[in-house]
Amino acid sequence: MSIAQWPVGERPREKLLERGAEALSDAELLAIFLRTGCAGKSAVDLARELLSEFGGLRPLMEAPREDFCRGEGLGDAKYTQLQAVLEMARRHLRESLQCGDALTSPDLVRRYLVSQLRHSPREVFALLLLDNQHRLIRYEPLFYGTLDGASVYPREVVKLVLASNTAAVILAHNHPSGVAEPSQADRHITDKLVAALELVGVRVLDHMIVGDGEVTSFAERGLL
């Protein structure tokens, strides 16, 4: 039976319009993205098979192009649509930070940093550059490392914040291992950066470590 023959309240699009996107299952959301099924399968049936094949929604969305396009009903057109959707989500989060106070939106800051850093296979050290009202000026990935770490140079950080007229910063980096616990090296470089930036009147509001599904805040841990 095609989705058009289902009761109205069970059709994914109508269900979303009536109850909101959060009311839909992963398969129903994916079915809306797919739009159509294939021979003998509704879009929801196909979505369920793809979720089973890839191991869930996240592995499907993060799959490399070659792997993604091998899925039934998928291909370059769907891959480009997905990348566009993901990039729109990242830009929406960034613009939300540019309009508000980062200090009063810790969940938004976390979500934005996760969108930028969680998928990187190597360590990336980045800054959220903020104005004097703690609104986002821009996100700046500054140092790149390996699976285990990245070298961070305070002098380069100071040069960047001065050049961008930054009033405050949030430091951030990812742990590709997935464990968001701060290391001794993380604490040491944080102390060095706080001291260096204090000399030029720039405040470090936080240092956030992005792991796999979790973000650790130095400020919340009392480490700043």
C-alpha atoms as a PDB file:
ATOM      1  CA  MET A   1       0.000   0.000   0.000  1.00  0.00           C
ATOM      2  CA  SER A   2       1.375   3.427  -0.921  1.00  0.00           C
ATOM      3  CA  ILE A   3       1.600   6.185   1.688  1.00  0.00           C
ATOM      4  CA  ALA A   4      -1.148   8.090  -0.154  1.00  0.00           C
ATOM      5  CA  GLN A   5      -3.533   5.271   0.816  1.00  0.00           C
ATOM      6  CA  TRP A   6      -2.666   5.457   4.516  1.00  0.00           C
ATOM      7  CA  PRO A   7      -4.989   7.161   6.998  1.00  0.00           C
ATOM      8  CA  VAL A   8      -4.224  10.893   6.948  1.00  0.00           C
ATOM      9  CA  GLY A   9      -2.992  10.915  10.562  1.00  0.00           C
ATOM     10  CA  GLU A  10      -0.365   8.278   9.763  1.00  0.00           C
ATOM     11  CA  ARG A  11       1.167   9.953   6.713  1.00  0.00           C
ATOM     12  CA  PRO A  12       4.535  11.479   7.651  1.00  0.00           C
ATOM     13  CA  ARG A  13       3.973  14.874   5.997  1.00  0.00           C
ATOM     14  CA  GLU A  14       0.488  15.341   7.396  1.00  0.00           C
ATOM     15  CA  LYS A  15       1.638  14.079  10.793  1.00  0.00           C
ATOM     16  CA  LEU A  16       4.465  16.626  10.815  1.00  0.00           C
ATOM     17  CA  LEU A  17       2.118  19.482   9.910  1.00  0.00           C
ATOM     18  CA  GLU A  18      -0.364  18.478  12.584  1.00  0.00           C
ATOM     19  CA  ARG A  19       1.944  17.475  15.447  1.00  0.00           C
ATOM     20  CA  GLY A  20       5.377  18.903  14.636  1.00  0.00           C
ATOM     21  CA  ALA A  21       8.596  17.287  13.427  1.00  0.00           C
ATOM     22  CA  GLU A  22       9.509  16.010  16.901  1.00  0.00           C
ATOM     23  CA  ALA A  23       6.510  13.655  16.775  1.00  0.00           C
ATOM     24  CA  LEU A  24       7.965  11.700  13.847  1.00  0.00           C
ATOM     25  CA  SER A  25      10.180   8.644  14.071  1.00  0.00           C
ATOM     26  CA  ASP A  26      13.592   8.540  12.389  1.00  0.00           C
ATOM     27  CA  ALA A  27      12.097   6.474   9.576  1.00  0.00           C
ATOM     28  CA  GLU A  28       9.263   8.954   9.033  1.00  0.00           C
ATOM     29  CA  LEU A  29      11.648  11.919   8.928  1.00  0.00           C
ATOM     30  CA  LEU A  30      13.895  10.109   6.482  1.00  0.00           C
ATOM     31  CA  ALA A  31      10.878   9.166   4.368  1.00  0.00           C
ATOM     32  CA  ILE A  32      10.006  12.856   3.956  1.00  0.00           C
ATOM     33  CA  PHE A  33      13.587  13.503   2.839  1.00  0.00           C
ATOM     34  CA  LEU A  34      13.454  10.583   0.371  1.00  0.00           C
ATOM     35  CA  ARG A  35      10.052  11.726  -0.936  1.00  0.00           C
ATOM     36  CA  THR A  36       9.388   8.460  -2.807  1.00  0.00           C
ATOM     37  CA  GLY A  37       9.994   4.776  -2.302  1.00  0.00           C
ATOM     38  CA  CYS A  38      10.860   2.243  -4.977  1.00  0.00           C
ATOM     39  CA  ALA A  39       9.249  -0.812  -6.557  1.00  0.00           C
ATOM     40  CA  GLY A  40       7.118  -2.543  -3.949  1.00  0.00           C
ATOM     41  CA  LYS A  41       8.263  -0.263  -1.097  1.00  0.00           C
ATOM     42  CA  SER A  42       6.815   2.905   0.331  1.00  0.00           C
ATOM     43  CA  ALA A  43       9.168   5.730   1.314  1.00  0.00           C
ATOM     44  CA  VAL A  44       8.782   4.677   4.954  1.00  0.00           C
ATOM     45  CA  ASP A  45       9.620   1.039   4.150  1.00  0.00           C
ATOM     46  CA  LEU A  46      12.702   2.160   2.248  1.00  0.00           C
ATOM     47  CA  ALA A  47      13.688   4.489   5.086  1.00  0.00           C
ATOM     48  CA  ARG A  48      13.477   1.654   7.610  1.00  0.00           C
ATOM     49  CA  GLU A  49      15.673  -0.552   5.451  1.00  0.00           C
ATOM     50  CA  LEU A  50      18.264   2.192   5.032  1.00  0.00           C
ATOM     51  CA  LEU A  51      18.359   2.889   8.765  1.00  0.00           C
ATOM     52  CA  SER A  52      18.905  -0.809   9.413  1.00  0.00           C
ATOM     53  CA  GLU A  53      21.588  -1.044   6.734  1.00  0.00           C
ATOM     54  CA  PHE A  54      23.562   1.995   7.946  1.00  0.00           C
ATOM     55  CA  GLY A  55      22.968   1.400  11.657  1.00  0.00           C
ATOM     56  CA  GLY A  56      20.838   4.450  12.383  1.00  0.00           C
ATOM     57  CA  LEU A  57      20.156   8.001  11.304  1.00  0.00           C
ATOM     58  CA  ARG A  58      23.479   9.472  12.396  1.00  0.00           C
ATOM     59  CA  PRO A  59      25.695   6.942  10.547  1.00  0.00           C
ATOM     60  CA  LEU A  60      23.565   7.462   7.442  1.00  0.00           C
ATOM     61  CA  MET A  61      23.892  11.256   7.598  1.00  0.00           C
ATOM     62  CA  GLU A  62      27.635  11.072   8.281  1.00  0.00           C
ATOM     63  CA  ALA A  63      28.400   8.413   5.676  1.00  0.00           C
ATOM     64  CA  PRO A  64      31.029   9.303   3.047  1.00  0.00           C
ATOM     65  CA  ARG A  65      29.589  10.093  -0.363  1.00  0.00           C
ATOM     66  CA  GLU A  66      30.635   6.755  -1.858  1.00  0.00           C
ATOM     67  CA  ASP A  67      28.985   4.723   0.918  1.00  0.00           C
ATOM     68  CA  PHE A  68      25.880   6.917   0.998  1.00  0.00           C
ATOM     69  CA  CYS A  69      25.291   6.657  -2.727  1.00  0.00           C
ATOM     70  CA  ARG A  70      25.389   2.849  -2.597  1.00  0.00           C
ATOM     71  CA  GLY A  71      22.182   2.840  -0.531  1.00  0.00           C
ATOM     72  CA  GLU A  72      18.999   1.867  -2.359  1.00  0.00           C
ATOM     73  CA  GLY A  73      17.095   4.934  -3.522  1.00  0.00           C
ATOM     74  CA  LEU A  74      20.058   7.196  -2.812  1.00  0.00           C
ATOM     75  CA  GLY A  75      22.626   8.786  -5.110  1.00  0.00           C
ATOM     76  CA  ASP A  76      24.429  12.022  -5.829  1.00  0.00           C
ATOM     77  CA  ALA A  77      21.216  14.055  -5.954  1.00  0.00           C
ATOM     78  CA  LYS A  78      20.167  12.907  -2.470  1.00  0.00           C
ATOM     79  CA  TYR A  79      23.714  13.324  -1.182  1.00  0.00           C
ATOM     80  CA  THR A  80      23.865  16.945  -2.332  1.00  0.00           C
ATOM     81  CA  GLN A  81      20.439  17.617  -0.811  1.00  0.00           C
ATOM     82  CA  LEU A  82      21.576  16.162   2.505  1.00  0.00           C
ATOM     83  CA  GLN A  83      24.785  18.215   2.555  1.00  0.00           C
ATOM     84  CA  ALA A  84      22.750  21.335   1.828  1.00  0.00           C
ATOM     85  CA  VAL A  85      20.363  20.555   4.703  1.00  0.00           C
ATOM     86  CA  LEU A  86      23.260  19.971   7.123  1.00  0.00           C
ATOM     87  CA  GLU A  87      24.977  23.193   6.080  1.00  0.00           C
ATOM     88  CA  MET A  88      21.747  25.170   6.478  1.00  0.00           C
ATOM     89  CA  ALA A  89      21.437  23.797  10.008  1.00  0.00           C
ATOM     90  CA  ARG A  90      25.004  24.908  10.823  1.00  0.00           C
ATOM     91  CA  ARG A  91      24.377  28.365   9.397  1.00  0.00           C
ATOM     92  CA  HIS A  92      21.120  28.682  11.304  1.00  0.00           C
ATOM     93  CA  LEU A  93      22.959  27.967  14.569  1.00  0.00           C
ATOM     94  CA  ARG A  94      25.702  30.454  13.665  1.00  0.00           C
ATOM     95  CA  GLU A  95      23.230  33.222  12.844  1.00  0.00           C
ATOM     96  CA  SER A  96      21.376  32.549  16.095  1.00  0.00           C
ATOM     97  CA  LEU A  97      24.639  33.073  17.998  1.00  0.00           C
ATOM     98  CA  GLN A  98      25.327  36.268  16.070  1.00  0.00           C
ATOM     99  CA  CYS A  99      21.988  37.679  17.231  1.00  0.00           C
ATOM    100  CA  GLY A 100      22.201  36.789  20.938  1.00  0.00           C
ATOM    101  CA  ASP A 101      24.441  36.607  23.983  1.00  0.00           C
ATOM    102  CA  ALA A 102      26.570  33.456  23.918  1.00  0.00           C
ATOM    103  CA  LEU A 103      26.747  33.440  27.720  1.00  0.00           C
ATOM    104  CA  THR A 104      22.979  33.136  28.019  1.00  0.00           C
ATOM    105  CA  SER A 105      22.759  30.414  25.334  1.00  0.00           C
ATOM    106  CA  PRO A 106      25.100  27.607  26.484  1.00  0.00           C
ATOM    107  CA  ASP A 107      22.998  24.913  24.804  1.00  0.00           C
ATOM    108  CA  LEU A 108      23.103  26.799  21.508  1.00  0.00           C
ATOM    109  CA  VAL A 109      26.893  27.193  21.800  1.00  0.00           C
ATOM    110  CA  ARG A 110      27.215  23.460  22.469  1.00  0.00           C
ATOM    111  CA  ARG A 111      25.068  22.518  19.491  1.00  0.00           C
ATOM    112  CA  TYR A 112      26.996  24.836  17.207  1.00  0.00           C
ATOM    113  CA  LEU A 113      30.374  23.490  18.321  1.00  0.00           C
ATOM    114  CA  VAL A 114      29.169  19.903  17.941  1.00  0.00           C
ATOM    115  CA  SER A 115      28.006  20.689  14.392  1.00  0.00           C
ATOM    116  CA  GLN A 116      31.456  22.066  13.573  1.00  0.00           C
ATOM    117  CA  LEU A 117      33.779  19.705  15.402  1.00  0.00           C
ATOM    118  CA  ARG A 118      32.229  16.336  16.212  1.00  0.00           C
ATOM    119  CA  HIS A 119      32.822  14.762  12.808  1.00  0.00           C
ATOM    120  CA  SER A 120      36.476  15.723  12.390  1.00  0.00           C
ATOM    121  CA  PRO A 121      38.839  12.697  12.329  1.00  0.00           C
ATOM    122  CA  ARG A 122      41.678  14.839  13.718  1.00  0.00           C
ATOM    123  CA  GLU A 123      41.888  17.323  16.544  1.00  0.00           C
ATOM    124  CA  VAL A 124      40.910  20.893  15.699  1.00  0.00           C
ATOM    125  CA  PHE A 125      41.431  23.844  18.039  1.00  0.00           C
ATOM    126  CA  ALA A 126      39.036  26.709  17.341  1.00  0.00           C
ATOM    127  CA  LEU A 127      37.813  29.998  18.756  1.00  0.00           C
ATOM    128  CA  LEU A 128      34.418  31.620  18.982  1.00  0.00           C
ATOM    129  CA  LEU A 129      35.286  35.307  18.621  1.00  0.00           C
ATOM    130  CA  LEU A 130      32.771  37.494  20.466  1.00  0.00           C
ATOM    131  CA  ASP A 131      32.074  41.223  20.566  1.00  0.00           C
ATOM    132  CA  ASN A 132      31.582  43.262  23.747  1.00  0.00           C
ATOM    133  CA  GLN A 133      27.972  42.051  23.989  1.00  0.00           C
ATOM    134  CA  HIS A 134      29.121  38.431  23.633  1.00  0.00           C
ATOM    135  CA  ARG A 135      27.597  38.055  20.202  1.00  0.00           C
ATOM    136  CA  LEU A 136      29.420  35.886  17.718  1.00  0.00           C
ATOM    137  CA  ILE A 137      31.773  37.710  15.349  1.00  0.00           C
ATOM    138  CA  ARG A 138      32.887  34.485  13.742  1.00  0.00           C
ATOM    139  CA  TYR A 139      33.996  30.928  14.315  1.00  0.00           C
ATOM    140  CA  GLU A 140      37.691  30.423  13.588  1.00  0.00           C
ATOM    141  CA  PRO A 141      39.365  26.989  13.405  1.00  0.00           C
ATOM    142  CA  LEU A 142      42.985  27.899  14.075  1.00  0.00           C
ATOM    143  CA  PHE A 143      45.116  24.812  14.688  1.00  0.00           C
ATOM    144  CA  TYR A 144      44.881  21.309  13.245  1.00  0.00           C
ATOM    145  CA  GLY A 145      46.522  18.214  14.655  1.00  0.00           C
ATOM    146  CA  THR A 146      46.335  14.455  14.577  1.00  0.00           C
ATOM    147  CA  LEU A 147      44.066  11.920  16.215  1.00  0.00           C
ATOM    148  CA  ASP A 148      45.793  12.606  19.541  1.00  0.00           C
ATOM    149  CA  GLY A 149      46.305  16.348  19.709  1.00  0.00           C
ATOM    150  CA  ALA A 150      47.039  19.718  18.130  1.00  0.00           C
ATOM    151  CA  SER A 151      49.781  22.216  18.905  1.00  0.00           C
ATOM    152  CA  VAL A 152      48.373  25.568  20.063  1.00  0.00           C
ATOM    153  CA  TYR A 153      50.403  28.781  19.941  1.00  0.00           C
ATOM    154  CA  PRO A 154      49.215  31.620  22.240  1.00  0.00           C
ATOM    155  CA  ARG A 155      50.971  34.229  20.089  1.00  0.00           C
ATOM    156  CA  GLU A 156      48.818  33.320  17.074  1.00  0.00           C
ATOM    157  CA  VAL A 157      45.668  33.441  19.205  1.00  0.00           C
ATOM    158  CA  VAL A 158      46.535  36.926  20.474  1.00  0.00           C
ATOM    159  CA  LYS A 159      47.243  38.130  16.909  1.00  0.00           C
ATOM    160  CA  LEU A 160      43.865  36.843  15.754  1.00  0.00           C
ATOM    161  CA  VAL A 161      41.797  38.429  18.536  1.00  0.00           C
ATOM    162  CA  LEU A 162      43.511  41.796  18.116  1.00  0.00           C
ATOM    163  CA  ALA A 163      43.021  41.774  14.351  1.00  0.00           C
ATOM    164  CA  SER A 164      39.311  40.970  14.700  1.00  0.00           C
ATOM    165  CA  ASN A 165      38.554  43.499  17.477  1.00  0.00           C
ATOM    166  CA  THR A 166      37.441  40.672  19.761  1.00  0.00           C
ATOM    167  CA  ALA A 167      36.273  41.433  23.303  1.00  0.00           C
ATOM    168  CA  ALA A 168      35.900  37.862  24.569  1.00  0.00           C
ATOM    169  CA  VAL A 169      36.469  34.322  23.343  1.00  0.00           C
ATOM    170  CA  ILE A 170      35.253  30.800  23.879  1.00  0.00           C
ATOM    171  CA  LEU A 171      37.974  28.243  23.256  1.00  0.00           C
ATOM    172  CA  ALA A 172      36.973  24.919  21.758  1.00  0.00           C
ATOM    173  CA  HIS A 173      38.488  21.730  20.481  1.00  0.00           C
ATOM    174  CA  ASN A 174      37.403  18.184  19.777  1.00  0.00           C
ATOM    175  CA  HIS A 175      38.619  14.836  21.043  1.00  0.00           C
ATOM    176  CA  PRO A 176      38.377  12.399  18.106  1.00  0.00           C
ATOM    177  CA  SER A 177      38.499   9.561  20.644  1.00  0.00           C
ATOM    178  CA  GLY A 178      34.983  10.629  21.649  1.00  0.00           C
ATOM    179  CA  VAL A 179      35.883  11.153  25.328  1.00  0.00           C
ATOM    180  CA  ALA A 180      35.357  14.785  26.317  1.00  0.00           C
ATOM    181  CA  GLU A 181      37.361  14.721  29.542  1.00  0.00           C
ATOM    182  CA  PRO A 182      40.011  17.489  29.736  1.00  0.00           C
ATOM    183  CA  SER A 183      43.614  16.303  29.825  1.00  0.00           C
ATOM    184  CA  GLN A 184      46.476  17.898  31.728  1.00  0.00           C
ATOM    185  CA  ALA A 185      47.665  19.352  28.419  1.00  0.00           C
ATOM    186  CA  ASP A 186      44.196  20.865  27.873  1.00  0.00           C
ATOM    187  CA  ARG A 187      44.317  22.505  31.298  1.00  0.00           C
ATOM    188  CA  HIS A 188      47.848  23.764  30.754  1.00  0.00           C
ATOM    189  CA  ILE A 189      47.159  25.435  27.405  1.00  0.00           C
ATOM    190  CA  THR A 190      43.945  26.942  28.775  1.00  0.00           C
ATOM    191  CA  ASP A 191      45.870  28.591  31.614  1.00  0.00           C
ATOM    192  CA  LYS A 192      48.457  29.907  29.139  1.00  0.00           C
ATOM    193  CA  LEU A 193      45.803  31.354  26.852  1.00  0.00           C
ATOM    194  CA  VAL A 194      43.875  32.954  29.724  1.00  0.00           C
ATOM    195  CA  ALA A 195      47.073  34.657  30.896  1.00  0.00           C
ATOM    196  CA  ALA A 196      48.089  35.773  27.392  1.00  0.00           C
ATOM    197  CA  LEU A 197      44.676  37.175  26.532  1.00  0.00           C
ATOM    198  CA  GLU A 198      44.326  38.973  29.857  1.00  0.00           C
ATOM    199  CA  LEU A 199      47.367  41.062  28.861  1.00  0.00           C
ATOM    200  CA  VAL A 200      45.415  42.468  25.890  1.00  0.00           C
ATOM    201  CA  GLY A 201      42.107  42.850  27.736  1.00  0.00           C
ATOM    202  CA  VAL A 202      40.319  39.868  26.193  1.00  0.00           C
ATOM    203  CA  ARG A 203      38.370  37.537  28.475  1.00  0.00           C
ATOM    204  CA  VAL A 204      38.193  33.772  28.053  1.00  0.00           C
ATOM    205  CA  LEU A 205      34.594  32.860  28.861  1.00  0.00           C
ATOM    206  CA  ASP A 206      34.949  29.106  28.520  1.00  0.00           C
ATOM    207  CA  HIS A 207      36.855  26.243  26.970  1.00  0.00           C
ATOM    208  CA  MET A 208      34.610  23.530  25.570  1.00  0.00           C
ATOM    209  CA  ILE A 209      35.737  20.051  24.583  1.00  0.00           C
ATOM    210  CA  VAL A 210      33.581  18.247  22.044  1.00  0.00           C
ATOM    211  CA  GLY A 211      33.410  14.479  22.315  1.00  0.00           C
ATOM    212  CA  ASP A 212      31.022  11.953  20.877  1.00  0.00           C
ATOM    213  CA  GLY A 213      27.618  13.139  22.010  1.00  0.00           C
ATOM    214  CA  GLU A 214      28.904  15.211  24.934  1.00  0.00           C
ATOM    215  CA  VAL A 215      30.560  18.571  25.490  1.00  0.00           C
ATOM    216  CA  THR A 216      32.624  19.390  28.583  1.00  0.00           C
ATOM    217  CA  SER A 217      32.708  22.994  29.773  1.00  0.00           C
ATOM    218  CA  PHE A 218      35.723  24.253  31.754  1.00  0.00           C
ATOM    219  CA  ALA A 219      33.579  27.038  33.196  1.00  0.00           C
ATOM    220  CA  GLU A 220      30.957  24.611  34.497  1.00  0.00           C
ATOM    221  CA  ARG A 221      33.697  22.409  35.959  1.00  0.00           C
ATOM    222  CA  GLY A 222      35.221  25.406  37.779  1.00  0.00           C
ATOM    223  CA  LEU A 223      38.456  25.055  35.793  1.00  0.00           C
ATOM    224  CA  LEU A 224      38.594  28.694  34.646  1.00  0.00           C
END
